């Protein structure tokens, strides 16, 4: 998986005509796509977990309020 430093330090060889080697560019694009796909998956998983935790906090707050009301 690529990180910011990997991307900043990429060195793609220039060809004699001044362009870049197609194979190296294709490999880089493949790595970038893989990294972005993993990030999207992780983001979706974390969003689900955050929703679950938010729901639990809300339930605990309601329970706390019910306990307070019962004690009064």
PDB file of N, CA and C in Angstrom:
ATOM      1  N   UNK A   1       0.846  -1.171   0.000  1.00  0.00           N
ATOM      2  CA  UNK A   1       0.000   0.000   0.000  1.00  0.00           C
ATOM      3  C   UNK A   1       0.897   1.241   0.000  1.00  0.00           C
ATOM      4  N   UNK A   2       0.556   2.219  -0.793  1.00  0.00           N
ATOM      5  CA  UNK A   2       1.339   3.444  -0.901  1.00  0.00           C
ATOM      6  C   UNK A   2       1.026   4.391   0.250  1.00  0.00           C
ATOM      7  N   UNK A   3       2.040   5.131   0.667  1.00  0.00           N
ATOM      8  CA  UNK A   3       1.796   6.211   1.599  1.00  0.00           C
ATOM      9  C   UNK A   3       2.266   7.511   0.960  1.00  0.00           C
ATOM     10  N   UNK A   4       2.064   8.616   1.652  1.00  0.00           N
ATOM     11  CA  UNK A   4       2.397   9.924   1.085  1.00  0.00           C
ATOM     12  C   UNK A   4       3.871  10.008   0.686  1.00  0.00           C
ATOM     13  N   UNK A   5       4.759   9.514   1.533  1.00  0.00           N
ATOM     14  CA  UNK A   5       6.193   9.578   1.216  1.00  0.00           C
ATOM     15  C   UNK A   5       6.534   8.754  -0.016  1.00  0.00           C
ATOM     16  N   UNK A   6       5.884   7.592  -0.177  1.00  0.00           N
ATOM     17  CA  UNK A   6       6.118   6.782  -1.378  1.00  0.00           C
ATOM     18  C   UNK A   6       5.773   7.584  -2.633  1.00  0.00           C
ATOM     19  N   UNK A   7       4.646   8.266  -2.588  1.00  0.00           N
ATOM     20  CA  UNK A   7       4.188   9.025  -3.764  1.00  0.00           C
ATOM     21  C   UNK A   7       5.124  10.203  -4.032  1.00  0.00           C
ATOM     22  N   UNK A   8       5.520  10.895  -2.971  1.00  0.00           N
ATOM     23  CA  UNK A   8       6.417  12.045  -3.147  1.00  0.00           C
ATOM     24  C   UNK A   8       7.777  11.632  -3.706  1.00  0.00           C
ATOM     25  N   UNK A   9       8.214  10.409  -3.405  1.00  0.00           N
ATOM     26  CA  UNK A   9       9.548   9.966  -3.814  1.00  0.00           C
ATOM     27  C   UNK A   9       9.552   9.082  -5.058  1.00  0.00           C
ATOM     28  N   UNK A  10       8.462   9.054  -5.787  1.00  0.00           N
ATOM     29  CA  UNK A  10       8.408   8.233  -7.000  1.00  0.00           C
ATOM     30  C   UNK A  10       9.382   8.784  -8.042  1.00  0.00           C
ATOM     31  N   UNK A  11      10.103   7.870  -8.650  1.00  0.00           N
ATOM     32  CA  UNK A  11      11.055   8.249  -9.691  1.00  0.00           C
ATOM     33  C   UNK A  11      10.780   7.364 -10.897  1.00  0.00           C
ATOM     34  N   UNK A  12      10.124   7.916 -11.893  1.00  0.00           N
ATOM     35  CA  UNK A  12       9.814   7.170 -13.113  1.00  0.00           C
ATOM     36  C   UNK A  12      10.846   7.553 -14.167  1.00  0.00           C
ATOM     37  N   UNK A  13      11.443   6.545 -14.770  1.00  0.00           N
ATOM     38  CA  UNK A  13      12.501   6.753 -15.751  1.00  0.00           C
ATOM     39  C   UNK A  13      11.949   7.385 -17.030  1.00  0.00           C
ATOM     40  N   UNK A  14      12.629   8.423 -17.486  1.00  0.00           N
ATOM     41  CA  UNK A  14      12.249   9.041 -18.753  1.00  0.00           C
ATOM     42  C   UNK A  14      12.871   8.254 -19.906  1.00  0.00           C
ATOM     43  N   UNK A  15      12.160   8.165 -21.003  1.00  0.00           N
ATOM     44  CA  UNK A  15      12.690   7.500 -22.193  1.00  0.00           C
ATOM     45  C   UNK A  15      13.537   8.488 -22.982  1.00  0.00           C
ATOM     46  N   UNK A  16      14.164   7.987 -23.992  1.00  0.00           N
ATOM     47  CA  UNK A  16      15.029   8.838 -24.807  1.00  0.00           C
ATOM     48  C   UNK A  16      14.238   9.935 -25.511  1.00  0.00           C
ATOM     49  N   UNK A  17      12.968   9.701 -25.726  1.00  0.00           N
ATOM     50  CA  UNK A  17      12.132  10.691 -26.414  1.00  0.00           C
ATOM     51  C   UNK A  17      11.572  11.734 -25.437  1.00  0.00           C
ATOM     52  N   UNK A  18      11.876  11.618 -24.149  1.00  0.00           N
ATOM     53  CA  UNK A  18      11.418  12.600 -23.172  1.00  0.00           C
ATOM     54  C   UNK A  18      10.167  12.187 -22.416  1.00  0.00           C
ATOM     55  N   UNK A  19       9.560  11.057 -22.800  1.00  0.00           N
ATOM     56  CA  UNK A  19       8.373  10.571 -22.096  1.00  0.00           C
ATOM     57  C   UNK A  19       8.762   9.637 -20.964  1.00  0.00           C
ATOM     58  N   UNK A  20       7.791   8.949 -20.416  1.00  0.00           N
ATOM     59  CA  UNK A  20       8.042   8.014 -19.323  1.00  0.00           C
ATOM     60  C   UNK A  20       7.803   6.590 -19.805  1.00  0.00           C
ATOM     61  N   UNK A  21       8.425   5.641 -19.105  1.00  0.00           N
ATOM     62  CA  UNK A  21       8.246   4.240 -19.456  1.00  0.00           C
ATOM     63  C   UNK A  21       6.819   3.824 -19.121  1.00  0.00           C
ATOM     64  N   UNK A  22       6.139   3.308 -20.108  1.00  0.00           N
ATOM     65  CA  UNK A  22       4.738   2.936 -19.968  1.00  0.00           C
ATOM     66  C   UNK A  22       4.545   1.918 -18.848  1.00  0.00           C
ATOM     67  N   UNK A  23       5.437   0.953 -18.749  1.00  0.00           N
ATOM     68  CA  UNK A  23       5.305  -0.095 -17.736  1.00  0.00           C
ATOM     69  C   UNK A  23       5.359   0.485 -16.322  1.00  0.00           C
ATOM     70  N   UNK A  24       6.267   1.441 -16.115  1.00  0.00           N
ATOM     71  CA  UNK A  24       6.412   2.051 -14.793  1.00  0.00           C
ATOM     72  C   UNK A  24       5.180   2.886 -14.439  1.00  0.00           C
ATOM     73  N   UNK A  25       4.666   3.612 -15.406  1.00  0.00           N
ATOM     74  CA  UNK A  25       3.465   4.423 -15.171  1.00  0.00           C
ATOM     75  C   UNK A  25       2.272   3.510 -14.895  1.00  0.00           C
ATOM     76  N   UNK A  26       2.132   2.439 -15.668  1.00  0.00           N
ATOM     77  CA  UNK A  26       1.035   1.496 -15.443  1.00  0.00           C
ATOM     78  C   UNK A  26       1.116   0.860 -14.060  1.00  0.00           C
ATOM     79  N   UNK A  27       2.333   0.503 -13.622  1.00  0.00           N
ATOM     80  CA  UNK A  27       2.523  -0.089 -12.289  1.00  0.00           C
ATOM     81  C   UNK A  27       2.149   0.915 -11.203  1.00  0.00           C
ATOM     82  N   UNK A  28       2.567   2.162 -11.379  1.00  0.00           N
ATOM     83  CA  UNK A  28       2.235   3.200 -10.412  1.00  0.00           C
ATOM     84  C   UNK A  28       0.723   3.392 -10.324  1.00  0.00           C
ATOM     85  N   UNK A  29       0.074   3.476 -11.464  1.00  0.00           N
ATOM     86  CA  UNK A  29      -1.381   3.649 -11.482  1.00  0.00           C
ATOM     87  C   UNK A  29      -2.086   2.470 -10.817  1.00  0.00           C
ATOM     88  N   UNK A  30      -1.570   1.282 -11.042  1.00  0.00           N
ATOM     89  CA  UNK A  30      -2.136   0.092 -10.408  1.00  0.00           C
ATOM     90  C   UNK A  30      -2.016   0.174  -8.892  1.00  0.00           C
ATOM     91  N   UNK A  31      -0.852   0.582  -8.408  1.00  0.00           N
ATOM     92  CA  UNK A  31      -0.637   0.716  -6.965  1.00  0.00           C
ATOM     93  C   UNK A  31      -1.538   1.800  -6.370  1.00  0.00           C
ATOM     94  N   UNK A  32      -1.664   2.906  -7.074  1.00  0.00           N
ATOM     95  CA  UNK A  32      -2.525   3.993  -6.598  1.00  0.00           C
ATOM     96  C   UNK A  32      -3.977   3.512  -6.519  1.00  0.00           C
ATOM     97  N   UNK A  33      -4.435   2.804  -7.540  1.00  0.00           N
ATOM     98  CA  UNK A  33      -5.809   2.279  -7.544  1.00  0.00           C
ATOM     99  C   UNK A  33      -6.023   1.295  -6.399  1.00  0.00           C
ATOM    100  N   UNK A  34      -5.071   0.402  -6.177  1.00  0.00           N
ATOM    101  CA  UNK A  34      -5.177  -0.564  -5.081  1.00  0.00           C
ATOM    102  C   UNK A  34      -5.273   0.156  -3.736  1.00  0.00           C
ATOM    103  N   UNK A  35      -4.427   1.155  -3.557  1.00  0.00           N
ATOM    104  CA  UNK A  35      -4.425   1.910  -2.306  1.00  0.00           C
ATOM    105  C   UNK A  35      -5.754   2.622  -2.098  1.00  0.00           C
ATOM    106  N   UNK A  36      -6.261   3.259  -3.141  1.00  0.00           N
ATOM    107  CA  UNK A  36      -7.531   3.972  -3.018  1.00  0.00           C
ATOM    108  C   UNK A  36      -8.690   3.018  -2.738  1.00  0.00           C
ATOM    109  N   UNK A  37      -8.681   1.845  -3.362  1.00  0.00           N
ATOM    110  CA  UNK A  37      -9.728   0.857  -3.098  1.00  0.00           C
ATOM    111  C   UNK A  37      -9.695   0.406  -1.643  1.00  0.00           C
ATOM    112  N   UNK A  38      -8.497   0.157  -1.118  1.00  0.00           N
ATOM    113  CA  UNK A  38      -8.362  -0.251   0.286  1.00  0.00           C
ATOM    114  C   UNK A  38      -8.836   0.862   1.207  1.00  0.00           C
ATOM    115  N   UNK A  39      -8.475   2.096   0.874  1.00  0.00           N
ATOM    116  CA  UNK A  39      -8.908   3.229   1.689  1.00  0.00           C
ATOM    117  C   UNK A  39     -10.428   3.375   1.685  1.00  0.00           C
ATOM    118  N   UNK A  40     -11.051   3.195   0.545  1.00  0.00           N
ATOM    119  CA  UNK A  40     -12.517   3.281   0.458  1.00  0.00           C
ATOM    120  C   UNK A  40     -13.164   2.198   1.308  1.00  0.00           C
ATOM    121  N   UNK A  41     -12.615   0.977   1.257  1.00  0.00           N
ATOM    122  CA  UNK A  41     -13.156  -0.118   2.050  1.00  0.00           C
ATOM    123  C   UNK A  41     -13.006   0.186   3.539  1.00  0.00           C
ATOM    124  N   UNK A  42     -11.817   0.642   3.946  1.00  0.00           N
ATOM    125  CA  UNK A  42     -11.582   0.972   5.349  1.00  0.00           C
ATOM    126  C   UNK A  42     -12.502   2.106   5.808  1.00  0.00           C
ATOM    127  N   UNK A  43     -12.696   3.075   4.956  1.00  0.00           N
ATOM    128  CA  UNK A  43     -13.580   4.194   5.288  1.00  0.00           C
ATOM    129  C   UNK A  43     -15.003   3.698   5.518  1.00  0.00           C
ATOM    130  N   UNK A  44     -15.486   2.821   4.653  1.00  0.00           N
ATOM    131  CA  UNK A  44     -16.834   2.277   4.798  1.00  0.00           C
ATOM    132  C   UNK A  44     -16.967   1.491   6.098  1.00  0.00           C
ATOM    133  N   UNK A  45     -15.959   0.691   6.417  1.00  0.00           N
ATOM    134  CA  UNK A  45     -15.981  -0.087   7.659  1.00  0.00           C
ATOM    135  C   UNK A  45     -15.979   0.837   8.882  1.00  0.00           C
ATOM    136  N   UNK A  46     -15.144   1.856   8.855  1.00  0.00           N
ATOM    137  CA  UNK A  46     -15.072   2.778   9.980  1.00  0.00           C
ATOM    138  C   UNK A  46     -16.362   3.589  10.124  1.00  0.00           C
ATOM    139  N   UNK A  47     -16.980   3.923   9.016  1.00  0.00           N
ATOM    140  CA  UNK A  47     -18.257   4.642   9.061  1.00  0.00           C
ATOM    141  C   UNK A  47     -19.326   3.788   9.713  1.00  0.00           C
ATOM    142  N   UNK A  48     -19.361   2.493   9.371  1.00  0.00           N
ATOM    143  CA  UNK A  48     -20.319   1.578   9.997  1.00  0.00           C
ATOM    144  C   UNK A  48     -20.085   1.493  11.499  1.00  0.00           C
ATOM    145  N   UNK A  49     -18.826   1.342  11.898  1.00  0.00           N
ATOM    146  CA  UNK A  49     -18.491   1.240  13.311  1.00  0.00           C
ATOM    147  C   UNK A  49     -18.854   2.519  14.057  1.00  0.00           C
ATOM    148  N   UNK A  50     -18.597   3.666  13.438  1.00  0.00           N
ATOM    149  CA  UNK A  50     -18.922   4.941  14.053  1.00  0.00           C
ATOM    150  C   UNK A  50     -20.424   5.075  14.276  1.00  0.00           C
ATOM    151  N   UNK A  51     -21.211   4.620  13.323  1.00  0.00           N
ATOM    152  CA  UNK A  51     -22.674   4.663  13.460  1.00  0.00           C
ATOM    153  C   UNK A  51     -23.110   3.786  14.627  1.00  0.00           C
ATOM    154  N   UNK A  52     -22.550   2.584  14.713  1.00  0.00           N
ATOM    155  CA  UNK A  52     -22.895   1.668  15.803  1.00  0.00           C
ATOM    156  C   UNK A  52     -22.541   2.291  17.154  1.00  0.00           C
ATOM    157  N   UNK A  53     -21.348   2.863  17.250  1.00  0.00           N
ATOM    158  CA  UNK A  53     -20.927   3.482  18.506  1.00  0.00           C
ATOM    159  C   UNK A  53     -21.784   4.699  18.849  1.00  0.00           C
ATOM    160  N   UNK A  54     -22.142   5.465  17.853  1.00  0.00           N
ATOM    161  CA  UNK A  54     -23.019   6.620  18.081  1.00  0.00           C
ATOM    162  C   UNK A  54     -24.376   6.183  18.606  1.00  0.00           C
ATOM    163  N   UNK A  55     -24.900   5.113  18.035  1.00  0.00           N
ATOM    164  CA  UNK A  55     -26.184   4.571  18.505  1.00  0.00           C
ATOM    165  C   UNK A  55     -26.072   4.091  19.951  1.00  0.00           C
ATOM    166  N   UNK A  56     -24.967   3.461  20.287  1.00  0.00           N
ATOM    167  CA  UNK A  56     -24.767   2.982  21.664  1.00  0.00           C
ATOM    168  C   UNK A  56     -24.689   4.148  22.648  1.00  0.00           C
ATOM    169  N   UNK A  57     -23.973   5.190  22.276  1.00  0.00           N
ATOM    170  CA  UNK A  57     -23.871   6.365  23.141  1.00  0.00           C
ATOM    171  C   UNK A  57     -25.265   6.941  23.384  1.00  0.00           C
ATOM    172  N   UNK A  58     -26.055   7.049  22.354  1.00  0.00           N
ATOM    173  CA  UNK A  58     -27.421   7.572  22.486  1.00  0.00           C
ATOM    174  C   UNK A  58     -28.244   6.692  23.428  1.00  0.00           C
ATOM    175  N   UNK A  59     -28.118   5.387  23.279  1.00  0.00           N
ATOM    176  CA  UNK A  59     -28.848   4.463  24.158  1.00  0.00           C
ATOM    177  C   UNK A  59     -28.410   4.640  25.603  1.00  0.00           C
ATOM    178  N   UNK A  60     -27.100   4.749  25.823  1.00  0.00           N
ATOM    179  CA  UNK A  60     -26.585   4.930  27.183  1.00  0.00           C
ATOM    180  C   UNK A  60     -27.060   6.247  27.788  1.00  0.00           C
ATOM    181  N   UNK A  61     -27.151   7.278  26.986  1.00  0.00           N
ATOM    182  CA  UNK A  61     -27.652   8.571  27.478  1.00  0.00           C
ATOM    183  C   UNK A  61     -29.116   8.453  27.884  1.00  0.00           C
ATOM    184  N   UNK A  62     -29.880   7.732  27.070  1.00  0.00           N
ATOM    185  CA  UNK A  62     -31.290   7.527  27.407  1.00  0.00           C
ATOM    186  C   UNK A  62     -31.425   6.710  28.686  1.00  0.00           C
ATOM    187  N   UNK A  63     -30.600   5.679  28.815  1.00  0.00           N
ATOM    188  CA  UNK A  63     -30.613   4.859  30.027  1.00  0.00           C
ATOM    189  C   UNK A  63     -30.221   5.699  31.243  1.00  0.00           C
ATOM    190  N   UNK A  64     -29.226   6.556  31.074  1.00  0.00           N
ATOM    191  CA  UNK A  64     -28.786   7.411  32.168  1.00  0.00           C
ATOM    192  C   UNK A  64     -29.909   8.334  32.609  1.00  0.00           C
ATOM    193  N   UNK A  65     -30.600   8.885  31.634  1.00  0.00           N
ATOM    194  CA  UNK A  65     -31.711   9.784  31.965  1.00  0.00           C
ATOM    195  C   UNK A  65     -32.827   9.029  32.677  1.00  0.00           C
ATOM    196  N   UNK A  66     -33.083   7.819  32.246  1.00  0.00           N
ATOM    197  CA  UNK A  66     -34.113   7.000  32.905  1.00  0.00           C
ATOM    198  C   UNK A  66     -33.731   6.699  34.350  1.00  0.00           C
ATOM    199  N   UNK A  67     -32.470   6.408  34.591  1.00  0.00           N
ATOM    200  CA  UNK A  67     -31.988   6.136  35.955  1.00  0.00           C
ATOM    201  C   UNK A  67     -32.111   7.393  36.817  1.00  0.00           C
ATOM    202  N   UNK A  68     -31.715   8.532  36.256  1.00  0.00           N
ATOM    203  CA  UNK A  68     -31.832   9.801  36.992  1.00  0.00           C
ATOM    204  C   UNK A  68     -33.282  10.074  37.374  1.00  0.00           C
ATOM    205  N   UNK A  69     -34.186   9.873  36.411  1.00  0.00           N
ATOM    206  CA  UNK A  69     -35.612  10.113  36.677  1.00  0.00           C
ATOM    207  C   UNK A  69     -36.132   9.156  37.747  1.00  0.00           C
ATOM    208  N   UNK A  70     -35.677   7.923  37.720  1.00  0.00           N
ATOM    209  CA  UNK A  70     -36.113   6.949  38.702  1.00  0.00           C
ATOM    210  C   UNK A  70     -35.611   7.308  40.099  1.00  0.00           C
ATOM    211  N   UNK A  71     -34.420   7.872  40.169  1.00  0.00           N
ATOM    212  CA  UNK A  71     -33.848   8.236  41.466  1.00  0.00           C
ATOM    213  C   UNK A  71     -34.521   9.475  42.070  1.00  0.00           C
ATOM    214  N   UNK A  72     -35.030  10.335  41.212  1.00  0.00           N
ATOM    215  CA  UNK A  72     -35.706  11.519  41.730  1.00  0.00           C
ATOM    216  C   UNK A  72     -37.082  11.145  42.188  1.00  0.00           C
TER     217      UNK A  72
END
